[in-house]
Each structure stands twice: as structure tokens, then as C-alpha cells.
């Protein structure tokens, strides 16, 4: 399990640009403006909104696995 987590972290660190990508419409709107701080905030918001469901599902599978193992 530890090797899997370390492998996933390594892959995420190798490809950081794909981890912070925006949707096409958000990118078009933010590129027309000149404020990079707003674009950075929108980009971080997209990443947080994307990560939370994965963390919740991962936690659910972890507890089910732990319950089935004991």
C-alpha cells in the first residue's frame, strides 16, 4: 500500500501541469483579463473541487477494506 501511494505521488510530481489544468471556458475567460491573481485563484478552486470527491470515495473504500479485513 505504501509503495502505491509513493508511486502515485511521484507520478503527480512528474506531471504538475496536467494536475492544475483548467476547463476550456474558464481558461478563455481568464486569458482575456489581465489579472493573474484571479486566474490562480480560479485554478486552485477547480483543483480543490476536483480533489474532494476523490478523497471521500478513497476514504469510503479504505473503511470498507478495513472492515472486510477484520
PDB file of N, CA and C in Angstrom:
ATOM      1  N   UNK A   1       0.832  -1.190   0.000  1.00  0.00           N
ATOM      2  CA  UNK A   1       0.000   0.000   0.000  1.00  0.00           C
ATOM      3  C   UNK A   1       0.876   1.252   0.000  1.00  0.00           C
ATOM      4  N   UNK A   2       1.937   1.211   0.793  1.00  0.00           N
ATOM      5  CA  UNK A   2       2.828   2.372   0.876  1.00  0.00           C
ATOM      6  C   UNK A   2       3.491   2.641  -0.478  1.00  0.00           C
ATOM      7  N   UNK A   3       3.891   1.572  -1.168  1.00  0.00           N
ATOM      8  CA  UNK A   3       4.515   1.739  -2.478  1.00  0.00           C
ATOM      9  C   UNK A   3       3.550   2.344  -3.487  1.00  0.00           C
ATOM     10  N   UNK A   4       2.276   1.967  -3.400  1.00  0.00           N
ATOM     11  CA  UNK A   4       1.274   2.520  -4.304  1.00  0.00           C
ATOM     12  C   UNK A   4       1.109   4.027  -4.084  1.00  0.00           C
ATOM     13  N   UNK A   5       1.031   4.427  -2.827  1.00  0.00           N
ATOM     14  CA  UNK A   5       0.880   5.852  -2.511  1.00  0.00           C
ATOM     15  C   UNK A   5       2.106   6.635  -2.966  1.00  0.00           C
ATOM     16  N   UNK A   6       3.277   6.107  -2.710  1.00  0.00           N
ATOM     17  CA  UNK A   6       4.504   6.787  -3.143  1.00  0.00           C
ATOM     18  C   UNK A   6       4.594   6.859  -4.663  1.00  0.00           C
ATOM     19  N   UNK A   7       4.151   5.817  -5.342  1.00  0.00           N
ATOM     20  CA  UNK A   7       4.158   5.827  -6.805  1.00  0.00           C
ATOM     21  C   UNK A   7       3.212   6.884  -7.351  1.00  0.00           C
ATOM     22  N   UNK A   8       2.017   6.981  -6.773  1.00  0.00           N
ATOM     23  CA  UNK A   8       1.061   7.993  -7.221  1.00  0.00           C
ATOM     24  C   UNK A   8       1.579   9.407  -6.977  1.00  0.00           C
ATOM     25  N   UNK A   9       2.179   9.636  -5.824  1.00  0.00           N
ATOM     26  CA  UNK A   9       2.745  10.952  -5.549  1.00  0.00           C
ATOM     27  C   UNK A   9       3.873  11.288  -6.522  1.00  0.00           C
ATOM     28  N   UNK A  10       4.675  10.307  -6.857  1.00  0.00           N
ATOM     29  CA  UNK A  10       5.758  10.510  -7.811  1.00  0.00           C
ATOM     30  C   UNK A  10       5.217  10.886  -9.185  1.00  0.00           C
ATOM     31  N   UNK A  11       4.176  10.201  -9.631  1.00  0.00           N
ATOM     32  CA  UNK A  11       3.579  10.497 -10.941  1.00  0.00           C
ATOM     33  C   UNK A  11       2.981  11.899 -10.945  1.00  0.00           C
ATOM     34  N   UNK A  12       2.321  12.289  -9.863  1.00  0.00           N
ATOM     35  CA  UNK A  12       1.734  13.633  -9.781  1.00  0.00           C
ATOM     36  C   UNK A  12       2.822  14.692  -9.806  1.00  0.00           C
ATOM     37  N   UNK A  13       3.952  14.414  -9.164  1.00  0.00           N
ATOM     38  CA  UNK A  13       5.042  15.394  -9.142  1.00  0.00           C
ATOM     39  C   UNK A  13       5.743  15.487 -10.492  1.00  0.00           C
ATOM     40  N   UNK A  14       5.720  14.435 -11.284  1.00  0.00           N
ATOM     41  CA  UNK A  14       6.351  14.469 -12.606  1.00  0.00           C
ATOM     42  C   UNK A  14       5.536  15.321 -13.574  1.00  0.00           C
ATOM     43  N   UNK A  15       4.213  15.239 -13.487  1.00  0.00           N
ATOM     44  CA  UNK A  15       3.334  15.937 -14.422  1.00  0.00           C
ATOM     45  C   UNK A  15       2.512  17.005 -13.705  1.00  0.00           C
ATOM     46  N   UNK A  16       3.135  18.077 -13.199  1.00  0.00           N
ATOM     47  CA  UNK A  16       2.366  19.066 -12.437  1.00  0.00           C
ATOM     48  C   UNK A  16       1.422  19.900 -13.290  1.00  0.00           C
ATOM     49  N   UNK A  17       1.738  20.106 -14.565  1.00  0.00           N
ATOM     50  CA  UNK A  17       0.873  20.939 -15.392  1.00  0.00           C
ATOM     51  C   UNK A  17      -0.470  20.280 -15.648  1.00  0.00           C
ATOM     52  N   UNK A  18      -0.498  18.971 -15.793  1.00  0.00           N
ATOM     53  CA  UNK A  18      -1.769  18.295 -16.014  1.00  0.00           C
ATOM     54  C   UNK A  18      -2.619  18.285 -14.750  1.00  0.00           C
ATOM     55  N   UNK A  19      -2.002  18.428 -13.586  1.00  0.00           N
ATOM     56  CA  UNK A  19      -2.745  18.418 -12.334  1.00  0.00           C
ATOM     57  C   UNK A  19      -3.427  19.752 -12.060  1.00  0.00           C
ATOM     58  N   UNK A  20      -3.003  20.825 -12.698  1.00  0.00           N
ATOM     59  CA  UNK A  20      -3.591  22.130 -12.448  1.00  0.00           C
ATOM     60  C   UNK A  20      -4.254  22.701 -13.698  1.00  0.00           C
ATOM     61  N   UNK A  21      -4.760  21.854 -14.566  1.00  0.00           N
ATOM     62  CA  UNK A  21      -5.381  22.312 -15.807  1.00  0.00           C
ATOM     63  C   UNK A  21      -6.768  22.882 -15.534  1.00  0.00           C
ATOM     64  N   UNK A  22      -7.179  23.791 -16.397  1.00  0.00           N
ATOM     65  CA  UNK A  22      -8.495  24.391 -16.292  1.00  0.00           C
ATOM     66  C   UNK A  22      -9.363  23.900 -17.434  1.00  0.00           C
ATOM     67  N   UNK A  23     -10.668  24.074 -17.290  1.00  0.00           N
ATOM     68  CA  UNK A  23     -11.549  23.765 -18.408  1.00  0.00           C
ATOM     69  C   UNK A  23     -11.364  24.834 -19.483  1.00  0.00           C
ATOM     70  N   UNK A  24     -11.772  24.533 -20.694  1.00  0.00           N
ATOM     71  CA  UNK A  24     -11.534  25.434 -21.816  1.00  0.00           C
ATOM     72  C   UNK A  24     -12.246  26.773 -21.644  1.00  0.00           C
ATOM     73  N   UNK A  25     -13.453  26.771 -21.127  1.00  0.00           N
ATOM     74  CA  UNK A  25     -14.200  28.030 -20.974  1.00  0.00           C
ATOM     75  C   UNK A  25     -13.577  28.905 -19.885  1.00  0.00           C
ATOM     76  N   UNK A  26     -13.170  28.303 -18.786  1.00  0.00           N
ATOM     77  CA  UNK A  26     -12.536  29.080 -17.713  1.00  0.00           C
ATOM     78  C   UNK A  26     -11.228  29.688 -18.207  1.00  0.00           C
ATOM     79  N   UNK A  27     -10.458  28.903 -18.928  1.00  0.00           N
ATOM     80  CA  UNK A  27      -9.184  29.394 -19.450  1.00  0.00           C
ATOM     81  C   UNK A  27      -9.400  30.567 -20.411  1.00  0.00           C
ATOM     82  N   UNK A  28     -10.401  30.479 -21.287  1.00  0.00           N
ATOM     83  CA  UNK A  28     -10.665  31.546 -22.255  1.00  0.00           C
ATOM     84  C   UNK A  28     -11.073  32.838 -21.549  1.00  0.00           C
ATOM     85  N   UNK A  29     -11.915  32.726 -20.541  1.00  0.00           N
ATOM     86  CA  UNK A  29     -12.357  33.915 -19.812  1.00  0.00           C
ATOM     87  C   UNK A  29     -11.197  34.540 -19.058  1.00  0.00           C
ATOM     88  N   UNK A  30     -10.371  33.723 -18.434  1.00  0.00           N
ATOM     89  CA  UNK A  30      -9.278  34.253 -17.618  1.00  0.00           C
ATOM     90  C   UNK A  30      -8.129  34.789 -18.457  1.00  0.00           C
ATOM     91  N   UNK A  31      -7.934  34.261 -19.664  1.00  0.00           N
ATOM     92  CA  UNK A  31      -6.864  34.767 -20.515  1.00  0.00           C
ATOM     93  C   UNK A  31      -7.199  36.133 -21.097  1.00  0.00           C
ATOM     94  N   UNK A  32      -8.485  36.467 -21.246  1.00  0.00           N
ATOM     95  CA  UNK A  32      -8.847  37.768 -21.779  1.00  0.00           C
ATOM     96  C   UNK A  32      -8.603  38.871 -20.759  1.00  0.00           C
ATOM     97  N   UNK A  33      -8.670  38.544 -19.462  1.00  0.00           N
ATOM     98  CA  UNK A  33      -8.386  39.517 -18.418  1.00  0.00           C
ATOM     99  C   UNK A  33      -6.889  39.589 -18.170  1.00  0.00           C
ATOM    100  N   UNK A  34      -6.455  40.613 -17.462  1.00  0.00           N
ATOM    101  CA  UNK A  34      -5.030  40.771 -17.214  1.00  0.00           C
ATOM    102  C   UNK A  34      -4.606  40.429 -15.798  1.00  0.00           C
ATOM    103  N   UNK A  35      -5.540  39.939 -14.975  1.00  0.00           N
ATOM    104  CA  UNK A  35      -5.233  39.710 -13.569  1.00  0.00           C
ATOM    105  C   UNK A  35      -4.833  38.260 -13.330  1.00  0.00           C
ATOM    106  N   UNK A  36      -3.542  38.013 -13.094  1.00  0.00           N
ATOM    107  CA  UNK A  36      -3.060  36.656 -12.870  1.00  0.00           C
ATOM    108  C   UNK A  36      -3.477  36.108 -11.513  1.00  0.00           C
ATOM    109  N   UNK A  37      -3.694  36.974 -10.529  1.00  0.00           N
ATOM    110  CA  UNK A  37      -4.101  36.503  -9.201  1.00  0.00           C
ATOM    111  C   UNK A  37      -5.481  35.856  -9.266  1.00  0.00           C
ATOM    112  N   UNK A  38      -6.378  36.429 -10.042  1.00  0.00           N
ATOM    113  CA  UNK A  38      -7.716  35.850 -10.195  1.00  0.00           C
ATOM    114  C   UNK A  38      -7.622  34.504 -10.895  1.00  0.00           C
ATOM    115  N   UNK A  39      -6.807  34.429 -11.938  1.00  0.00           N
ATOM    116  CA  UNK A  39      -6.644  33.172 -12.664  1.00  0.00           C
ATOM    117  C   UNK A  39      -6.070  32.096 -11.742  1.00  0.00           C
ATOM    118  N   UNK A  40      -5.125  32.452 -10.917  1.00  0.00           N
ATOM    119  CA  UNK A  40      -4.540  31.493  -9.970  1.00  0.00           C
ATOM    120  C   UNK A  40      -5.587  31.016  -8.966  1.00  0.00           C
ATOM    121  N   UNK A  41      -6.419  31.937  -8.486  1.00  0.00           N
ATOM    122  CA  UNK A  41      -7.472  31.567  -7.533  1.00  0.00           C
ATOM    123  C   UNK A  41      -8.509  30.644  -8.151  1.00  0.00           C
ATOM    124  N   UNK A  42      -8.920  30.946  -9.372  1.00  0.00           N
ATOM    125  CA  UNK A  42      -9.888  30.087 -10.073  1.00  0.00           C
ATOM    126  C   UNK A  42      -9.283  28.711 -10.292  1.00  0.00           C
ATOM    127  N   UNK A  43      -8.043  28.671 -10.706  1.00  0.00           N
ATOM    128  CA  UNK A  43      -7.369  27.406 -10.967  1.00  0.00           C
ATOM    129  C   UNK A  43      -7.276  26.562  -9.696  1.00  0.00           C
ATOM    130  N   UNK A  44      -6.918  27.173  -8.577  1.00  0.00           N
ATOM    131  CA  UNK A  44      -6.855  26.442  -7.314  1.00  0.00           C
ATOM    132  C   UNK A  44      -8.236  25.949  -6.885  1.00  0.00           C
ATOM    133  N   UNK A  45      -9.249  26.752  -7.106  1.00  0.00           N
ATOM    134  CA  UNK A  45     -10.615  26.341  -6.781  1.00  0.00           C
ATOM    135  C   UNK A  45     -11.052  25.125  -7.577  1.00  0.00           C
ATOM    136  N   UNK A  46     -10.697  25.092  -8.847  1.00  0.00           N
ATOM    137  CA  UNK A  46     -11.035  23.943  -9.689  1.00  0.00           C
ATOM    138  C   UNK A  46     -10.349  22.692  -9.163  1.00  0.00           C
ATOM    139  N   UNK A  47      -9.088  22.805  -8.799  1.00  0.00           N
ATOM    140  CA  UNK A  47      -8.352  21.644  -8.290  1.00  0.00           C
ATOM    141  C   UNK A  47      -8.961  21.156  -6.976  1.00  0.00           C
ATOM    142  N   UNK A  48      -9.326  22.062  -6.065  1.00  0.00           N
ATOM    143  CA  UNK A  48      -9.918  21.649  -4.792  1.00  0.00           C
ATOM    144  C   UNK A  48     -11.267  20.982  -5.012  1.00  0.00           C
ATOM    145  N   UNK A  49     -12.090  21.541  -5.889  1.00  0.00           N
ATOM    146  CA  UNK A  49     -13.385  20.936  -6.168  1.00  0.00           C
ATOM    147  C   UNK A  49     -13.241  19.557  -6.799  1.00  0.00           C
ATOM    148  N   UNK A  50     -12.195  19.359  -7.571  1.00  0.00           N
ATOM    149  CA  UNK A  50     -11.966  18.071  -8.205  1.00  0.00           C
ATOM    150  C   UNK A  50     -11.430  17.052  -7.193  1.00  0.00           C
ATOM    151  N   UNK A  51     -10.633  17.481  -6.236  1.00  0.00           N
ATOM    152  CA  UNK A  51      -9.966  16.560  -5.318  1.00  0.00           C
ATOM    153  C   UNK A  51     -10.885  16.028  -4.219  1.00  0.00           C
ATOM    154  N   UNK A  52     -11.835  16.811  -3.758  1.00  0.00           N
ATOM    155  CA  UNK A  52     -12.657  16.419  -2.615  1.00  0.00           C
ATOM    156  C   UNK A  52     -13.452  15.133  -2.876  1.00  0.00           C
ATOM    157  N   UNK A  53     -14.133  14.960  -4.005  1.00  0.00           N
ATOM    158  CA  UNK A  53     -14.852  13.693  -4.214  1.00  0.00           C
ATOM    159  C   UNK A  53     -13.922  12.478  -4.228  1.00  0.00           C
ATOM    160  N   UNK A  54     -12.732  12.634  -4.809  1.00  0.00           N
ATOM    161  CA  UNK A  54     -11.790  11.515  -4.821  1.00  0.00           C
ATOM    162  C   UNK A  54     -11.349  11.152  -3.403  1.00  0.00           C
ATOM    163  N   UNK A  55     -11.127  12.142  -2.564  1.00  0.00           N
ATOM    164  CA  UNK A  55     -10.749  11.864  -1.182  1.00  0.00           C
ATOM    165  C   UNK A  55     -11.876  11.173  -0.417  1.00  0.00           C
ATOM    166  N   UNK A  56     -13.107  11.617  -0.641  1.00  0.00           N
ATOM    167  CA  UNK A  56     -14.241  10.993   0.035  1.00  0.00           C
ATOM    168  C   UNK A  56     -14.428   9.543  -0.390  1.00  0.00           C
ATOM    169  N   UNK A  57     -14.365   9.283  -1.679  1.00  0.00           N
ATOM    170  CA  UNK A  57     -14.518   7.909  -2.177  1.00  0.00           C
ATOM    171  C   UNK A  57     -13.356   7.046  -1.707  1.00  0.00           C
ATOM    172  N   UNK A  58     -12.148   7.594  -1.725  1.00  0.00           N
ATOM    173  CA  UNK A  58     -10.990   6.851  -1.231  1.00  0.00           C
ATOM    174  C   UNK A  58     -11.132   6.504   0.241  1.00  0.00           C
ATOM    175  N   UNK A  59     -11.622   7.444   1.045  1.00  0.00           N
ATOM    176  CA  UNK A  59     -11.858   7.175   2.463  1.00  0.00           C
ATOM    177  C   UNK A  59     -12.917   6.104   2.671  1.00  0.00           C
ATOM    178  N   UNK A  60     -13.960   6.144   1.872  1.00  0.00           N
ATOM    179  CA  UNK A  60     -15.011   5.126   1.961  1.00  0.00           C
ATOM    180  C   UNK A  60     -14.451   3.742   1.646  1.00  0.00           C
ATOM    181  N   UNK A  61     -13.685   3.636   0.566  1.00  0.00           N
ATOM    182  CA  UNK A  61     -13.093   2.349   0.211  1.00  0.00           C
ATOM    183  C   UNK A  61     -12.107   1.874   1.280  1.00  0.00           C
ATOM    184  N   UNK A  62     -11.384   2.795   1.888  1.00  0.00           N
ATOM    185  CA  UNK A  62     -10.455   2.427   2.957  1.00  0.00           C
ATOM    186  C   UNK A  62     -11.200   1.816   4.141  1.00  0.00           C
ATOM    187  N   UNK A  63     -12.298   2.448   4.566  1.00  0.00           N
ATOM    188  CA  UNK A  63     -13.041   1.926   5.699  1.00  0.00           C
ATOM    189  C   UNK A  63     -13.716   0.598   5.379  1.00  0.00           C
ATOM    190  N   UNK A  64     -14.215   0.435   4.157  1.00  0.00           N
ATOM    191  CA  UNK A  64     -14.809  -0.835   3.754  1.00  0.00           C
ATOM    192  C   UNK A  64     -13.733  -1.918   3.737  1.00  0.00           C
ATOM    193  N   UNK A  65     -12.566  -1.605   3.210  1.00  0.00           N
ATOM    194  CA  UNK A  65     -11.466  -2.568   3.179  1.00  0.00           C
ATOM    195  C   UNK A  65     -11.058  -2.981   4.584  1.00  0.00           C
ATOM    196  N   UNK A  66     -10.937  -1.991   5.456  1.00  0.00           N
ATOM    197  CA  UNK A  66     -10.540  -2.282   6.833  1.00  0.00           C
ATOM    198  C   UNK A  66     -11.599  -3.122   7.549  1.00  0.00           C
ATOM    199  N   UNK A  67     -12.877  -2.849   7.269  1.00  0.00           N
ATOM    200  CA  UNK A  67     -13.961  -3.611   7.887  1.00  0.00           C
ATOM    201  C   UNK A  67     -13.977  -5.056   7.365  1.00  0.00           C
ATOM    202  N   UNK A  68     -13.726  -5.226   6.052  1.00  0.00           N
ATOM    203  CA  UNK A  68     -13.726  -6.570   5.473  1.00  0.00           C
ATOM    204  C   UNK A  68     -12.520  -7.383   5.939  1.00  0.00           C
ATOM    205  N   UNK A  69     -11.407  -6.711   6.209  1.00  0.00           N
ATOM    206  CA  UNK A  69     -10.194  -7.408   6.618  1.00  0.00           C
ATOM    207  C   UNK A  69     -10.284  -7.913   8.052  1.00  0.00           C
ATOM    208  N   UNK A  70     -11.005  -7.185   8.907  1.00  0.00           N
ATOM    209  CA  UNK A  70     -11.087  -7.602  10.321  1.00  0.00           C
ATOM    210  C   UNK A  70     -12.243  -8.544  10.599  1.00  0.00           C
TER     211      UNK A  70
END
